[in-house]
């Protein structure tokens, strides 16, 4: 309980530091959430299609021949 009182006292004493810490944390959490949502929508969930068993993947490969 003493730690909570000390923390509260420090937050009230240094509001600028508290604001910066909250902004940094919220930016990090928001950015992580946005990136995860984009990856989830694009890579983790397959696109809906009427015949998923008839889909194929086309890949281009480079062949390096040694003389």
N, C-alpha and C. Protein backbone atom coordinates (compact mmCIF):
# COMPACT_ATOMS: atom_id res chain seq x y z
N UNK A 1 0.83 -1.19 0.00
CA UNK A 1 0.00 0.00 0.00
C UNK A 1 0.87 1.26 0.00
N UNK A 2 2.02 1.17 0.63
CA UNK A 2 2.92 2.32 0.68
C UNK A 2 3.40 2.68 -0.73
N UNK A 3 3.64 1.67 -1.55
CA UNK A 3 4.08 1.94 -2.92
C UNK A 3 3.02 2.68 -3.72
N UNK A 4 1.77 2.33 -3.53
CA UNK A 4 0.69 3.03 -4.24
C UNK A 4 0.59 4.49 -3.81
N UNK A 5 0.76 4.76 -2.53
CA UNK A 5 0.73 6.14 -2.05
C UNK A 5 1.90 6.94 -2.62
N UNK A 6 3.08 6.31 -2.65
CA UNK A 6 4.26 6.97 -3.20
C UNK A 6 4.06 7.25 -4.69
N UNK A 7 3.53 6.28 -5.41
CA UNK A 7 3.29 6.45 -6.85
C UNK A 7 2.30 7.57 -7.10
N UNK A 8 1.23 7.60 -6.34
CA UNK A 8 0.23 8.66 -6.49
C UNK A 8 0.85 10.03 -6.21
N UNK A 9 1.65 10.11 -5.18
CA UNK A 9 2.31 11.38 -4.83
C UNK A 9 3.24 11.83 -5.96
N UNK A 10 3.98 10.89 -6.56
CA UNK A 10 4.90 11.25 -7.64
C UNK A 10 4.13 11.69 -8.89
N UNK A 11 3.02 11.03 -9.18
CA UNK A 11 2.23 11.41 -10.35
C UNK A 11 1.64 12.80 -10.19
N UNK A 12 1.22 13.13 -9.00
CA UNK A 12 0.67 14.47 -8.75
C UNK A 12 1.78 15.51 -8.77
N UNK A 13 2.93 15.16 -8.27
CA UNK A 13 4.05 16.10 -8.20
C UNK A 13 4.64 16.39 -9.58
N UNK A 14 4.64 15.40 -10.47
CA UNK A 14 5.23 15.55 -11.81
C UNK A 14 4.20 15.23 -12.89
N UNK A 15 3.24 16.12 -13.14
CA UNK A 15 2.19 15.80 -14.12
C UNK A 15 2.73 15.73 -15.56
N UNK A 16 3.76 16.49 -15.89
CA UNK A 16 4.32 16.43 -17.25
C UNK A 16 4.91 15.05 -17.53
N UNK A 17 5.66 14.53 -16.58
CA UNK A 17 6.26 13.20 -16.71
C UNK A 17 5.16 12.16 -16.85
N UNK A 18 4.11 12.29 -16.07
CA UNK A 18 2.99 11.35 -16.14
C UNK A 18 2.31 11.40 -17.51
N UNK A 19 2.10 12.60 -18.02
CA UNK A 19 1.46 12.76 -19.32
C UNK A 19 2.30 12.14 -20.43
N UNK A 20 3.60 12.37 -20.40
CA UNK A 20 4.49 11.79 -21.41
C UNK A 20 4.48 10.27 -21.33
N UNK A 21 4.53 9.72 -20.12
CA UNK A 21 4.51 8.27 -19.95
C UNK A 21 3.20 7.68 -20.48
N UNK A 22 2.09 8.31 -20.19
CA UNK A 22 0.79 7.83 -20.67
C UNK A 22 0.70 7.92 -22.18
N UNK A 23 1.19 9.00 -22.78
CA UNK A 23 1.18 9.14 -24.24
C UNK A 23 2.05 8.08 -24.91
N UNK A 24 3.22 7.81 -24.36
CA UNK A 24 4.11 6.81 -24.94
C UNK A 24 3.47 5.43 -24.85
N UNK A 25 2.91 5.10 -23.71
CA UNK A 25 2.26 3.80 -23.55
C UNK A 25 1.06 3.64 -24.49
N UNK A 26 0.24 4.68 -24.58
CA UNK A 26 -0.94 4.58 -25.45
C UNK A 26 -0.54 4.50 -26.91
N UNK A 27 0.51 5.20 -27.31
CA UNK A 27 0.98 5.12 -28.70
C UNK A 27 1.50 3.71 -29.00
N UNK A 28 2.25 3.14 -28.09
CA UNK A 28 2.76 1.78 -28.28
C UNK A 28 1.65 0.75 -28.35
N UNK A 29 0.69 0.85 -27.46
CA UNK A 29 -0.43 -0.10 -27.45
C UNK A 29 -1.28 0.08 -28.70
N UNK A 30 -1.55 1.30 -29.09
CA UNK A 30 -2.35 1.56 -30.30
C UNK A 30 -1.65 1.08 -31.56
N UNK A 31 -0.35 1.32 -31.66
CA UNK A 31 0.41 0.87 -32.83
C UNK A 31 0.45 -0.64 -32.93
N UNK A 32 0.67 -1.28 -31.80
CA UNK A 32 0.69 -2.74 -31.78
C UNK A 32 -0.66 -3.31 -32.19
N UNK A 33 -1.72 -2.72 -31.68
CA UNK A 33 -3.07 -3.19 -32.03
C UNK A 33 -3.35 -3.00 -33.52
N UNK A 34 -2.94 -1.86 -34.07
CA UNK A 34 -3.17 -1.61 -35.49
C UNK A 34 -2.40 -2.58 -36.37
N UNK A 35 -1.14 -2.84 -36.04
CA UNK A 35 -0.34 -3.76 -36.82
C UNK A 35 -0.90 -5.17 -36.73
N UNK A 36 -1.27 -5.60 -35.53
CA UNK A 36 -1.84 -6.94 -35.38
C UNK A 36 -3.14 -7.07 -36.18
N UNK A 37 -3.97 -6.04 -36.14
CA UNK A 37 -5.23 -6.09 -36.89
C UNK A 37 -4.97 -6.21 -38.39
N UNK A 38 -3.99 -5.48 -38.90
CA UNK A 38 -3.67 -5.55 -40.32
C UNK A 38 -3.13 -6.93 -40.69
N UNK A 39 -2.22 -7.46 -39.89
CA UNK A 39 -1.66 -8.78 -40.16
C UNK A 39 -2.75 -9.84 -40.07
N UNK A 40 -3.61 -9.72 -39.10
CA UNK A 40 -4.71 -10.67 -38.93
C UNK A 40 -5.63 -10.66 -40.14
N UNK A 41 -5.95 -9.48 -40.63
CA UNK A 41 -6.87 -9.37 -41.77
C UNK A 41 -6.24 -9.87 -43.06
N UNK A 42 -4.93 -9.64 -43.24
CA UNK A 42 -4.28 -9.97 -44.51
C UNK A 42 -3.69 -11.38 -44.52
N UNK A 43 -2.97 -11.74 -43.48
CA UNK A 43 -2.19 -12.97 -43.52
C UNK A 43 -2.83 -14.14 -42.78
N UNK A 44 -3.49 -13.90 -41.69
CA UNK A 44 -3.97 -15.01 -40.87
C UNK A 44 -5.33 -15.53 -41.28
N UNK A 45 -6.17 -14.69 -41.83
CA UNK A 45 -7.48 -15.13 -42.28
C UNK A 45 -7.48 -15.26 -43.79
N UNK A 46 -7.76 -16.45 -44.30
CA UNK A 46 -7.76 -16.61 -45.76
C UNK A 46 -8.91 -15.85 -46.40
N UNK A 47 -8.71 -15.45 -47.63
CA UNK A 47 -9.75 -14.73 -48.37
C UNK A 47 -10.91 -15.67 -48.67
N UNK A 48 -12.13 -15.22 -48.53
CA UNK A 48 -13.26 -16.08 -48.84
C UNK A 48 -13.34 -16.32 -50.35
N UNK A 49 -13.58 -17.56 -50.71
CA UNK A 49 -13.74 -17.88 -52.13
C UNK A 49 -14.76 -19.01 -52.26
N UNK A 50 -15.43 -19.07 -53.41
CA UNK A 50 -16.47 -20.10 -53.56
C UNK A 50 -15.90 -21.52 -53.64
N UNK A 51 -14.68 -21.69 -54.19
CA UNK A 51 -14.07 -23.02 -54.33
C UNK A 51 -12.64 -23.01 -53.77
N UNK A 52 -12.46 -23.04 -52.48
CA UNK A 52 -11.10 -22.95 -51.93
C UNK A 52 -10.22 -24.14 -52.30
N UNK A 53 -10.81 -25.29 -52.62
CA UNK A 53 -10.01 -26.45 -52.98
C UNK A 53 -9.44 -26.35 -54.41
N UNK A 54 -9.90 -25.39 -55.19
CA UNK A 54 -9.41 -25.22 -56.56
C UNK A 54 -8.41 -24.07 -56.69
N UNK A 55 -7.99 -23.50 -55.58
CA UNK A 55 -7.02 -22.40 -55.62
C UNK A 55 -5.62 -22.97 -55.81
N UNK A 56 -4.79 -22.22 -56.52
CA UNK A 56 -3.40 -22.61 -56.70
C UNK A 56 -2.51 -21.43 -56.32
N UNK A 57 -1.24 -21.72 -56.11
CA UNK A 57 -0.28 -20.68 -55.78
C UNK A 57 0.77 -20.66 -56.88
N UNK A 58 1.04 -19.48 -57.41
CA UNK A 58 2.04 -19.31 -58.45
C UNK A 58 3.25 -18.63 -57.83
N UNK A 59 4.40 -19.26 -57.98
CA UNK A 59 5.63 -18.76 -57.37
C UNK A 59 6.69 -18.64 -58.46
N UNK A 60 7.42 -17.54 -58.44
CA UNK A 60 8.52 -17.35 -59.39
C UNK A 60 9.82 -17.68 -58.68
N UNK A 61 10.64 -18.49 -59.32
CA UNK A 61 11.93 -18.85 -58.74
C UNK A 61 13.04 -18.52 -59.72
N UNK A 62 14.15 -18.10 -59.19
CA UNK A 62 15.33 -17.85 -60.04
C UNK A 62 16.24 -19.06 -59.95
N UNK A 63 16.75 -19.46 -61.09
CA UNK A 63 17.68 -20.58 -61.14
C UNK A 63 19.07 -20.03 -61.40
N UNK A 64 20.01 -20.41 -60.57
CA UNK A 64 21.39 -19.97 -60.74
C UNK A 64 22.18 -21.17 -61.24
N UNK A 65 22.71 -21.06 -62.45
CA UNK A 65 23.50 -22.14 -63.02
C UNK A 65 24.98 -21.83 -62.84
N UNK A 66 25.71 -22.84 -62.43
CA UNK A 66 27.15 -22.68 -62.24
C UNK A 66 27.88 -23.22 -63.47
N UNK A 67 28.86 -22.45 -63.95
CA UNK A 67 29.64 -22.89 -65.13
C UNK A 67 30.72 -23.85 -64.73
